[in-house]
Structures are given as structure tokens and as C-alpha cells.
Protein backbone atom coordinates (compact mmCIF):
# COMPACT_ATOMS: atom_id res chain seq x y z
CA UNK A 1 101.32 17.85 100.61
CA UNK A 2 105.03 17.26 100.41
CA UNK A 3 108.08 19.37 99.53
CA UNK A 4 110.10 17.69 96.83
CA UNK A 5 112.22 18.72 93.88
CA UNK A 6 110.21 18.12 90.70
CA UNK A 7 111.86 16.22 87.87
CA UNK A 8 110.32 16.26 84.40
CA UNK A 9 110.88 12.69 83.24
CA UNK A 10 107.85 12.77 80.91
CA UNK A 11 108.40 11.52 77.37
CA UNK A 12 110.31 14.06 75.29
CA UNK A 13 108.05 13.31 72.31
CA UNK A 14 105.02 14.73 74.13
CA UNK A 15 103.74 17.77 72.25
CA UNK A 16 103.33 20.63 74.77
CA UNK A 17 100.67 23.35 74.30
CA UNK A 18 101.96 26.72 73.16
CA UNK A 19 103.57 28.65 76.06
CA UNK A 20 104.12 25.56 78.18
CA UNK A 21 107.92 25.15 78.54
CA UNK A 22 107.85 22.06 80.75
CA UNK A 23 105.16 19.45 81.23
CA UNK A 24 106.02 19.16 84.91
CA UNK A 25 106.43 22.43 86.81
CA UNK A 26 109.62 23.18 88.66
CA UNK A 27 109.62 24.53 92.30
CA UNK A 28 111.61 27.63 91.37
CA UNK A 29 109.96 31.04 91.69
CA UNK A 30 110.84 34.72 92.14
CA UNK A 31 109.80 34.31 95.73
CA UNK A 32 112.08 31.40 96.68
CA UNK A 33 114.64 31.97 99.43
CA UNK A 34 118.30 31.85 98.20
CA UNK A 35 120.70 29.37 99.83
CA UNK A 36 122.67 30.74 102.80
CA UNK A 37 126.34 31.32 102.27
CA UNK A 38 128.65 32.44 105.07
CA UNK A 39 130.52 35.33 103.55
CA UNK A 40 130.90 39.12 103.75
CA UNK A 41 131.21 41.37 106.76
CA UNK A 42 128.73 42.08 109.56
CA UNK A 43 128.50 45.68 110.75
CA UNK A 44 127.10 46.04 114.29
CA UNK A 45 125.93 49.37 115.80
CA UNK A 46 125.15 49.66 119.51
CA UNK A 47 122.99 52.59 120.56
CA UNK A 48 124.80 54.48 123.34
CA UNK A 49 122.17 57.14 123.97
CA UNK A 50 121.03 58.06 127.51
CA UNK A 51 117.71 56.33 126.85
CA UNK A 52 119.51 52.97 126.63
CA UNK A 53 121.34 53.25 130.00
CA UNK A 54 118.35 52.06 131.95
CA UNK A 55 118.53 48.69 130.25
CA UNK A 56 121.87 47.97 131.94
CA UNK A 57 121.61 50.00 135.20
CA UNK A 58 121.40 46.79 137.20
CA UNK A 59 125.07 46.02 136.50
CA UNK A 60 126.72 44.61 139.60
CA UNK A 61 129.07 41.98 140.94
CA UNK A 62 132.55 41.11 139.81
CA UNK A 63 131.74 41.34 136.11
CA UNK A 64 129.98 44.69 136.38
CA UNK A 65 127.56 43.70 133.63
CA UNK A 66 123.75 43.71 133.74
CA UNK A 67 121.52 40.61 133.72
CA UNK A 68 118.49 42.17 131.90
CA UNK A 69 117.07 40.71 128.73
CA UNK A 70 118.76 43.46 126.77
CA UNK A 71 122.13 42.74 128.30
CA UNK A 72 121.67 39.01 127.60
CA UNK A 73 120.83 39.86 124.00
CA UNK A 74 123.98 41.98 123.61
CA UNK A 75 126.01 39.14 125.08
CA UNK A 76 125.03 36.62 122.40
CA UNK A 77 125.26 38.97 119.40
CA UNK A 78 129.00 38.32 118.76
CA UNK A 79 128.49 34.58 118.78
CA UNK A 80 125.67 34.84 116.19
CA UNK A 81 127.66 37.34 114.07
CA UNK A 82 130.50 34.82 113.77
CA UNK A 83 128.00 32.29 112.35
CA UNK A 84 126.75 34.69 109.68
CA UNK A 85 129.76 36.53 108.33
CA UNK A 86 133.51 36.06 107.87
CA UNK A 87 134.40 39.18 109.79
CA UNK A 88 132.72 41.83 111.99
CA UNK A 89 133.05 45.44 112.81
CA UNK A 90 131.48 46.80 115.97
CA UNK A 91 130.53 50.44 116.66
CA UNK A 92 129.16 52.67 119.39
CA UNK A 93 126.81 55.40 118.18
CA UNK A 94 125.30 58.44 119.81
CA UNK A 95 125.81 61.88 118.30
CA UNK A 96 129.12 60.52 117.13
CA UNK A 97 130.08 57.13 115.70
CA UNK A 98 133.15 55.31 117.04
CA UNK A 99 134.55 51.76 116.55
CA UNK A 100 134.89 49.31 119.41
CA UNK A 101 136.70 46.00 119.41
CA UNK A 102 135.11 42.58 119.92
CA UNK A 103 136.73 42.43 123.34
CA UNK A 104 134.90 45.56 124.40
CA UNK A 105 131.37 44.18 123.85
CA UNK A 106 130.95 43.56 127.57
CA UNK A 107 131.13 47.36 128.12
CA UNK A 108 127.81 47.66 126.27
CA UNK A 109 126.27 45.85 129.27
CA UNK A 110 127.65 48.53 131.71
CA UNK A 111 126.26 52.03 132.37
CA UNK A 112 129.64 53.55 131.60
CA UNK A 113 129.13 52.80 127.93
CA UNK A 114 126.38 55.42 127.81
CA UNK A 115 128.26 58.54 128.84
CA UNK A 116 127.99 61.64 126.71
CA UNK A 117 130.42 62.18 123.85
CA UNK A 118 133.16 64.67 124.84
CA UNK A 119 132.45 66.95 121.87
CA UNK A 120 128.69 67.09 122.44
CA UNK A 121 127.38 70.16 124.25
CA UNK A 122 125.89 69.40 127.62
CA UNK A 123 122.40 70.59 126.68
CA UNK A 124 122.38 68.20 123.72
CA UNK A 125 123.68 65.18 125.61
CA UNK A 126 120.32 63.50 126.16
CA UNK A 127 118.78 64.20 122.76
CA UNK A 128 118.24 60.85 120.97
CA UNK A 129 116.86 62.37 117.76
CA UNK A 130 118.23 61.55 114.29
CA UNK A 131 120.48 58.71 115.40
CA UNK A 132 118.65 56.08 113.41
CA UNK A 133 118.71 58.35 110.36
CA UNK A 134 122.50 58.52 110.70
CA UNK A 135 123.02 54.76 110.89
CA UNK A 136 120.61 54.00 108.06
CA UNK A 137 122.53 56.41 105.89
CA UNK A 138 125.66 54.39 106.56
CA UNK A 139 123.93 51.05 106.01
CA UNK A 140 122.67 52.28 102.63
CA UNK A 141 126.26 52.42 101.36
CA UNK A 142 127.52 49.11 102.74
CA UNK A 143 128.28 46.17 100.38
CA UNK A 144 125.26 44.20 99.20
CA UNK A 145 126.41 40.90 100.74
CA UNK A 146 127.00 42.49 104.19
CA UNK A 147 124.66 42.39 107.14
CA UNK A 148 123.91 45.44 109.28
CA UNK A 149 122.86 44.96 112.91
CA UNK A 150 121.44 47.91 114.85
CA UNK A 151 120.40 47.82 118.52
CA UNK A 152 118.22 50.59 119.93
CA UNK A 153 114.99 51.51 121.67
CA UNK A 154 113.82 53.21 118.41
CA UNK A 155 111.93 55.85 120.32
CA UNK A 156 111.25 58.13 117.36
CA UNK A 157 109.77 61.60 117.12
CA UNK A 158 106.91 62.43 114.75
CA UNK A 159 109.29 64.36 112.53
CA UNK A 160 111.68 61.41 112.15
CA UNK A 161 108.99 59.04 110.92
CA UNK A 162 107.13 61.37 108.58
CA UNK A 163 110.13 63.11 107.03
CA UNK A 164 110.38 62.29 103.26
CA UNK A 165 113.46 64.30 102.41
CA UNK A 166 116.59 62.73 100.87
CA UNK A 167 118.56 60.94 103.61
CA UNK A 168 115.51 60.62 105.89
CA UNK A 169 114.66 57.32 107.59
CA UNK A 170 111.85 56.77 105.05
CA UNK A 171 114.15 57.55 102.09
CA UNK A 172 116.98 55.23 103.26
CA UNK A 173 114.61 52.33 103.96
CA UNK A 174 112.92 52.69 100.56
CA UNK A 175 116.32 52.91 98.80
CA UNK A 176 117.59 49.72 100.48
CA UNK A 177 114.45 47.77 99.64
CA UNK A 178 114.79 49.00 96.04
CA UNK A 179 118.40 47.70 96.01
CA UNK A 180 117.24 44.22 96.94
CA UNK A 181 118.01 44.31 100.66
CA UNK A 182 115.65 42.80 103.27
CA UNK A 183 114.90 43.86 106.82
CA UNK A 184 114.47 41.92 110.06
CA UNK A 185 112.93 43.50 113.13
CA UNK A 186 113.44 41.84 116.51
CA UNK A 187 111.72 43.10 119.69
CA UNK A 188 112.04 42.12 123.34
CA UNK A 189 110.73 43.33 126.63
CA UNK A 190 113.49 44.10 129.14
CA UNK A 191 113.74 45.39 132.70
CA UNK A 192 114.54 49.08 132.86
CA UNK A 193 115.62 51.55 135.47
CA UNK A 194 116.56 54.93 134.14
CA UNK A 195 115.43 58.17 132.49
CA UNK A 196 113.82 58.44 129.03
CA UNK A 197 114.25 61.54 126.95
CA UNK A 198 112.64 62.76 123.68
CA UNK A 199 109.09 62.10 124.74
CA UNK A 200 106.14 64.49 124.10
CA UNK A 201 106.60 67.73 126.05
CA UNK A 202 110.38 67.05 126.31
CA UNK A 203 109.89 66.15 129.99
CA UNK A 204 112.18 63.31 131.14
CA UNK A 205 110.31 60.26 132.34
CA UNK A 206 111.71 57.91 135.03
CA UNK A 207 108.72 55.69 136.03
CA UNK A 208 109.20 52.84 133.61
CA UNK A 209 110.34 49.48 134.97
CA UNK A 210 110.06 47.58 131.67
CA UNK A 211 110.51 48.78 128.07
CA UNK A 212 111.02 47.27 124.62
CA UNK A 213 114.44 47.07 123.05
CA UNK A 214 115.09 46.21 119.41
CA UNK A 215 117.49 44.81 116.88
CA UNK A 216 117.12 45.90 113.22
CA UNK A 217 118.78 43.66 110.65
CA UNK A 218 119.49 44.83 107.09
CA UNK A 219 120.94 42.75 104.26
CA UNK A 220 120.46 39.52 102.36
CA UNK A 221 117.37 37.68 103.58
CA UNK A 222 119.19 34.34 103.96
CA UNK A 223 121.66 36.03 106.40
CA UNK A 224 118.89 37.68 108.35
CA UNK A 225 117.17 34.31 108.73
CA UNK A 226 120.42 32.71 109.82
CA UNK A 227 120.85 35.46 112.45
CA UNK A 228 117.30 34.87 113.63
CA UNK A 229 117.97 31.17 113.94
CA UNK A 230 120.95 32.03 116.05
CA UNK A 231 118.71 34.15 118.31
CA UNK A 232 116.34 31.18 118.69
CA UNK A 233 119.18 28.88 119.63
CA UNK A 234 121.10 31.20 121.90
CA UNK A 235 118.47 33.51 123.31
CA UNK A 236 114.79 33.07 122.54
CA UNK A 237 114.54 29.84 124.61
CA UNK A 238 114.76 31.90 127.80
CA UNK A 239 111.89 34.22 126.79
CA UNK A 240 108.18 33.69 126.56
CA UNK A 241 106.25 34.53 123.42
CA UNK A 242 104.87 37.58 125.19
CA UNK A 243 108.36 38.94 125.63
CA UNK A 244 109.59 38.87 122.02
CA UNK A 245 108.50 39.44 118.45
CA UNK A 246 110.22 39.07 115.09
CA UNK A 247 109.19 40.32 111.66
CA UNK A 248 110.74 39.72 108.27
CA UNK A 249 110.32 42.25 105.47
CA UNK A 250 111.44 40.71 102.17
CA UNK A 251 110.40 39.58 98.70
CA UNK A 252 111.88 36.08 99.24
CA UNK A 253 108.95 34.51 101.08
CA UNK A 254 108.86 30.79 100.31
CA UNK A 255 111.02 27.66 100.42
CA UNK A 256 109.76 26.54 97.04
CA UNK A 257 106.80 26.96 94.71
CA UNK A 258 103.99 24.45 95.05
CA UNK A 259 103.44 22.31 91.94
CA UNK A 260 101.56 19.17 91.02
CA UNK A 261 104.60 17.20 92.21
CA UNK A 262 104.03 18.56 95.72
CA UNK A 263 100.99 16.31 96.18
CA UNK A 264 100.58 12.59 96.73
CA UNK A 265 97.61 10.45 95.85
CA UNK A 266 95.94 10.73 99.26
CA UNK A 267 95.92 14.51 99.06
CA UNK A 268 93.23 14.46 96.30
CA UNK A 269 89.56 14.16 97.25
CA UNK A 270 87.77 12.68 94.19
CA UNK A 271 84.01 13.00 93.76
CA UNK A 272 82.76 10.91 90.84
CA UNK A 273 86.06 11.66 89.05
CA UNK A 274 88.50 8.84 88.31
CA UNK A 275 92.13 8.82 87.52
CA UNK A 276 92.70 8.04 83.89
CA UNK A 277 95.84 7.50 81.81
CA UNK A 278 95.04 10.13 79.19
CA UNK A 279 98.59 10.84 78.00
CA UNK A 280 100.59 7.71 78.83
CA UNK A 281 103.86 8.35 80.61
CA UNK A 282 103.16 12.02 81.36
CA UNK A 283 103.98 12.72 85.01
CA UNK A 284 101.09 15.06 85.88
CA UNK A 285 97.69 14.31 87.42
CA UNK A 286 95.23 13.00 84.81
CA UNK A 287 91.49 12.73 85.37
CA UNK A 288 88.43 11.35 83.69
CA UNK A 289 85.44 13.57 84.44
CA UNK A 290 81.90 12.19 83.82
CA UNK A 291 79.58 14.17 81.64
CA UNK A 292 77.15 14.55 84.49
CA UNK A 293 79.76 16.23 86.62
CA UNK A 294 82.21 15.62 89.43
CA UNK A 295 85.02 17.31 91.28
CA UNK A 296 88.57 17.07 92.61
CA UNK A 297 89.43 18.94 95.80
CA UNK A 298 92.88 19.92 97.13
CA UNK A 299 94.01 21.93 100.08
CA UNK A 300 97.23 23.86 99.96
CA UNK A 301 98.90 24.59 103.27
CA UNK A 302 101.06 27.68 102.72
CA UNK A 303 102.66 27.21 106.16
CA UNK A 304 104.70 24.37 104.59
CA UNK A 305 106.33 26.63 102.07
CA UNK A 306 106.25 30.16 103.52
CA UNK A 307 109.30 31.27 105.49
CA UNK A 308 108.29 31.69 109.14
CA UNK A 309 107.82 35.23 110.45
CA UNK A 310 107.55 36.81 106.98
CA UNK A 311 104.54 39.02 106.40
CA UNK A 312 101.42 37.22 105.13
CA UNK A 313 101.09 37.11 101.35
CA UNK A 314 98.05 38.91 99.92
CA UNK A 315 96.39 40.22 96.76
CA UNK A 316 96.31 36.86 94.93
CA UNK A 317 95.92 36.63 91.20
CA UNK A 318 94.69 33.37 89.63
CA UNK A 319 95.36 32.44 86.02
CA UNK A 320 93.64 29.40 84.39
CA UNK A 321 94.37 28.21 80.82
CA UNK A 322 93.04 25.20 79.05
CA UNK A 323 93.93 23.72 75.68
CA UNK A 324 91.98 21.13 73.72
CA UNK A 325 93.80 18.67 71.55
CA UNK A 326 92.40 18.90 68.01
CA UNK A 327 93.91 15.71 66.69
CA UNK A 328 96.84 13.71 68.07
CA UNK A 329 98.20 13.12 64.57
CA UNK A 330 98.52 16.78 63.65
CA UNK A 331 101.97 18.57 63.71
CA UNK A 332 102.74 19.91 67.17
CA UNK A 333 102.31 23.55 66.26
CA UNK A 334 98.74 22.81 65.03
CA UNK A 335 97.70 20.25 67.61
CA UNK A 336 96.40 22.40 70.43
CA UNK A 337 93.59 24.97 70.57
CA UNK A 338 93.46 27.40 73.43
CA UNK A 339 89.86 27.69 74.74
CA UNK A 340 89.89 31.31 75.87
CA UNK A 341 86.20 31.47 76.65
CA UNK A 342 86.30 28.53 79.06
CA UNK A 343 86.89 29.92 82.51
CA UNK A 344 86.46 28.93 86.17
CA UNK A 345 87.38 25.27 85.72
CA UNK A 346 89.07 25.60 89.11
CA UNK A 347 87.42 27.31 92.03
CA UNK A 348 90.13 28.95 94.16
CA UNK A 349 89.50 30.08 97.73
CA UNK A 350 92.56 32.12 98.82
CA UNK A 351 93.60 32.42 102.43
CA UNK A 352 92.15 35.03 104.69
CA UNK A 353 94.04 37.53 106.77
CA UNK A 354 94.53 34.99 109.62
CA UNK A 355 94.35 31.72 107.74
CA UNK A 356 97.13 30.36 105.54
CA UNK A 357 95.43 27.73 103.43
CA UNK A 358 94.31 27.77 99.81
CA UNK A 359 91.41 25.53 98.78
CA UNK A 360 91.17 24.33 95.17
CA UNK A 361 88.17 22.59 93.61
CA UNK A 362 88.53 21.37 90.05
CA UNK A 363 85.74 20.73 87.51
CA UNK A 364 82.79 21.46 89.85
CA UNK A 365 81.42 24.32 87.77
CA UNK A 366 79.01 22.65 85.32
CA UNK A 367 78.48 25.80 83.26
CA UNK A 368 82.22 25.84 82.48
CA UNK A 369 82.53 22.04 82.01
CA UNK A 370 79.64 21.99 79.49
CA UNK A 371 81.77 24.11 77.16
CA UNK A 372 84.23 21.22 76.84
CA UNK A 373 83.28 18.76 74.13
CA UNK A 374 83.27 15.13 75.37
CA UNK A 375 85.86 12.56 74.49
CA UNK A 376 88.53 15.14 73.81
CA UNK A 377 91.84 15.41 75.64
CA UNK A 378 92.69 18.65 77.48
CA UNK A 379 95.68 20.17 79.11
CA UNK A 380 95.04 22.54 82.12
CA UNK A 381 97.46 25.07 83.58
CA UNK A 382 96.70 26.81 86.83
CA UNK A 383 98.88 29.52 88.45
CA UNK A 384 98.44 31.50 91.64
CA UNK A 385 100.51 34.59 92.17
CA UNK A 386 100.91 36.66 95.29
CA UNK A 387 101.25 40.32 94.37
CA UNK A 388 101.56 41.94 97.81
CA UNK A 389 102.20 41.47 101.54
CA UNK A 390 100.47 42.90 104.60
CA UNK A 391 100.53 42.95 108.35
CA UNK A 392 98.40 40.29 110.06
CA UNK A 393 95.79 40.93 112.72
CA UNK A 394 98.23 39.50 115.25
CA UNK A 395 100.82 42.06 114.17
CA UNK A 396 98.30 44.85 114.51
CA UNK A 397 97.38 43.73 118.02
CA UNK A 398 101.03 43.62 119.04
CA UNK A 399 101.67 47.10 117.68
CA UNK A 400 98.65 48.46 119.56
CA UNK A 401 100.15 47.18 122.83
CA UNK A 402 103.79 48.13 122.29
CA UNK A 403 103.43 51.51 120.59
CA UNK A 404 102.44 54.99 121.79
CA UNK A 405 102.24 58.41 120.14
CA UNK A 406 101.79 62.05 121.09
CA UNK A 407 97.99 61.71 121.30
CA UNK A 408 97.87 58.81 123.78
CA UNK A 409 101.15 59.24 125.67
CA UNK A 410 99.58 61.00 128.66
CA UNK A 411 97.00 58.24 129.07
CA UNK A 412 99.67 55.57 128.99
CA UNK A 413 101.65 57.40 131.63
CA UNK A 414 98.57 57.72 133.86
CA UNK A 415 98.03 53.94 133.74
CA UNK A 416 101.28 53.50 135.76
CA UNK A 417 101.64 49.89 134.62
CA UNK A 418 105.40 50.01 134.71
CA UNK A 419 105.65 49.07 131.01
CA UNK A 420 106.28 52.02 128.72
CA UNK A 421 105.62 51.29 125.03
CA UNK A 422 107.77 52.70 122.21
CA UNK A 423 107.11 56.11 120.73
CA UNK A 424 105.81 55.74 117.13
CA UNK A 425 106.70 52.04 116.84
CA UNK A 426 103.58 51.44 114.77
CA UNK A 427 104.66 54.13 112.32
CA UNK A 428 108.12 52.64 111.94
CA UNK A 429 106.81 49.08 111.38
CA UNK A 430 104.19 50.32 108.95
CA UNK A 431 106.88 52.31 107.14
CA UNK A 432 108.88 49.08 106.76
CA UNK A 433 105.70 47.33 105.61
CA UNK A 434 104.77 49.98 103.02
CA UNK A 435 108.35 50.19 101.65
CA UNK A 436 108.46 46.38 101.45
CA UNK A 437 105.16 46.35 99.56
CA UNK A 438 106.34 49.02 97.14
CA UNK A 439 109.45 46.97 96.30
CA UNK A 440 107.59 43.64 96.20
CA UNK A 441 107.19 42.45 92.59
CA UNK A 442 105.19 39.35 93.40
CA UNK A 443 105.62 35.84 92.13
CA UNK A 444 104.00 32.40 91.73
CA UNK A 445 103.29 30.40 94.83
CA UNK A 446 101.54 27.62 92.93
CA UNK A 447 101.81 26.32 89.39
CA UNK A 448 99.73 23.20 88.57
CA UNK A 449 99.39 21.17 85.41
CA UNK A 450 96.77 18.48 84.85
CA UNK A 451 95.22 16.56 81.95
CA UNK A 452 91.56 15.64 81.70
CA UNK A 453 88.97 14.11 79.47
CA UNK A 454 85.28 14.62 79.71
CA UNK A 455 83.75 11.18 79.34
CA UNK A 456 80.27 10.42 78.04
């Protein structure tokens, strides 16, 4: 299977069946990724809560900056931002939001960045709740072509992730998906030495030596992917796969739609079927099928078209239509007869939850083929649409290892492994997934035209 731009150079005098706008399908689809354009602003928000201080507590030496994975991540963010947008605005957020200059980014890698806001009462200093809600409320009102970058540990309370009121995390995420924005979610493991607040029982915890840190990206999908590519170039090469994860939540899932032009001759496995020039000059696959039966098999590798790290497509809908040519000499509007009762000419085996291949087998169902009169010419249109997305089993396994909640927190603490997972991470990721699914309108991943004749 190849990726190539289809060009319909079939004879213009060919009479197309009703509803067929082009003999050769084009690779465009509602799911196709837009082209990246470097424009608009990037808004960056660094979490300055007490919970984040432990990620940089190792700051030492002349530079007084930390060398943890989180500190290294912060260090490369300005370089990546400059590749994505034309300008950037950086912010420090805690209970209050304040701007910082690009020259102050190094302070994010020093414990002094995480001091309490002067106007915050002492007894509220270490409370991390509602900070994400605040920043998502801001992101909701930013220009559509802008990119929002949020760093945090996303240690969220039950109330924060289940609240459905206006302005809640859930409400803001759903609104932004509905407005056409996409989300990226980057996770790393980083060394940690500090105190964590906001956990069940409100008892500070200081035994963790490693914790997850995150970057949430909000905006046009092509900019999120460009930012991710910058992370791969500047940062991911120093980490193992076990130390990082990245998820894309979007409705722009593929590089291009698969069509009959995506395949070359060797891709087809012919069983008793022969290629036959049924409509001379028409640039679609054309087959002569014997009366006694035969088949044509194709395998579609979705990995070649699906954008990496997007959620797996699911809930596939298959549409098959076939027209019989009554008489080649009739006027075009009378030439074709749609055979609505002829079904299952193509057997489609969609991908499973882990696999990403679609198997197609044409003309192997004899009960369907017998309904086609012999020595007639036919035009076949096949379309496969993806109507939803879902988390993969690998995603579920990752969430099980990196997430905790109020019911299993005590057991995790007793394990004393040194790695403390994130409170309600699974709920946040599943909230992103459900909001993405609700906004996902679906689209064609494959459109395939073919001609056939059933020979005696």
C-alpha cells in the first residue's frame, strides 16, 4: 500500500453511476490532518504550586537549576515554542496568575519559583485545588489559532474531576473540543524530593522519590503535533519508553484517506479472478470474476495513514453499493441500475482493539455473487467510516500503573516503591477521551471504486 495523491485522469465521457462524483476517489476526508502553519501566539503556564517544588529541589551548582527530567523538559519548552508560534507569553500560576519573561524561564527550575503568593493566606499556601480549572477557563477564551501549554503534576481531587458545573474542568474541556480544538497530553517520570499536598486525608506525603509530571497542549492539532515533534527531537531521545507517554485527542486522525489509488498491483491477492479491461481507460481496478466463484484479497495497514499517538479509531461503518449497467448505449441518466438487494460483495474484517489492519475480501460470497447476472458490467463503491475513538489496552495498562485514587491510595503508600502515581489521572484521561468522542463526528478512512464483470 502506498500513499499518493489520486488524480482522476479517466475519460471525461465515462458515464458515472448516480451519486458518484468522481470515478477515482480523492484522498481528502473529514479526518485528514491540516497542513502546519507557523503563526499565532503560544501561551505557556508553569505550575508554581508547592507540589511541584520537589521536581527541582536538586538545584545546585553555579546555575542553581535542577537536572531532573522535569527541569530538562522546562528547559527545552522555549525552543519548541519558537518553532510553533510567532510569539509567546509565559506565566506562573498558583492561586494567582502572573506573567514572566522568556529570560526568567530558568527560575522555573529553581525552588525559589515555588514560594507562596504574598496575598495568599498561610493556611491556603499549599492547597493545589482548582488551579487547572482556572487555567482551562483562560485557555477557553484564547484565539483559535493559538497554542496553550500547561505544565503540572495534575494531582486532582475527586471533586475537581467529577464537577459538571459551568466553568468546571469537564465543562471547559467539552467546550474547547466543541469549538474544534484538540488536546495533547505528555507524561514523564521525574526524580522528586519534596512534600505533596492535597492527597486523601489531607496529610502531607514526603516519601516519594519519583513522580509523574505533565504537559497539556490545547489548540490546533497540527501545532500540537509540531510541538510533540519538537519534544522528540529535543527531549524524548534521553528518555526510555517507560519514562514517557503521549496521547493525542483530536478528530483529525489520518494523513489521507485510503483509496483504490493507494494500492499497487502486488497488493492484490487474486484467486481465480483476472484483471480485465471492462471500461477502457478508467483508472480504477477492474476484474473478471468467473461464474464458479473467486476472490480478491487486500490488507489495509492503518498505521500508514493514522497519525501516531492518536487514539485508536473504532465503531466502523461499512457501506457497499453496486450498480449494473443496463445498456451502454442508453443516455447516462438511464444507464445504471442500483442493485439494492445485493449485499456483502466485500467481506470486511475491521481492526481489533490492539491490531490496526483492515482485511478486505471481494467477491468470495457466492450467495451475493449469484444475484449478479453474467456478462454485465458493474460499478462497485465501498466506503469504511470510523465513527468513534477509544483508549487502547496499552493506554489502560499505563493508566493502571500511573494513577491512584482515594480507594487505593493507602495501599500504594504501603508499597513504599518510591514512585507515587498521580491522583485521579485515569479520570482526567478518560474525561479527555469521552469529551473527544462526544465531539468526534467521524469520517471516511477508505473509499474504494472497482469495476467487475461476472463471466460465464
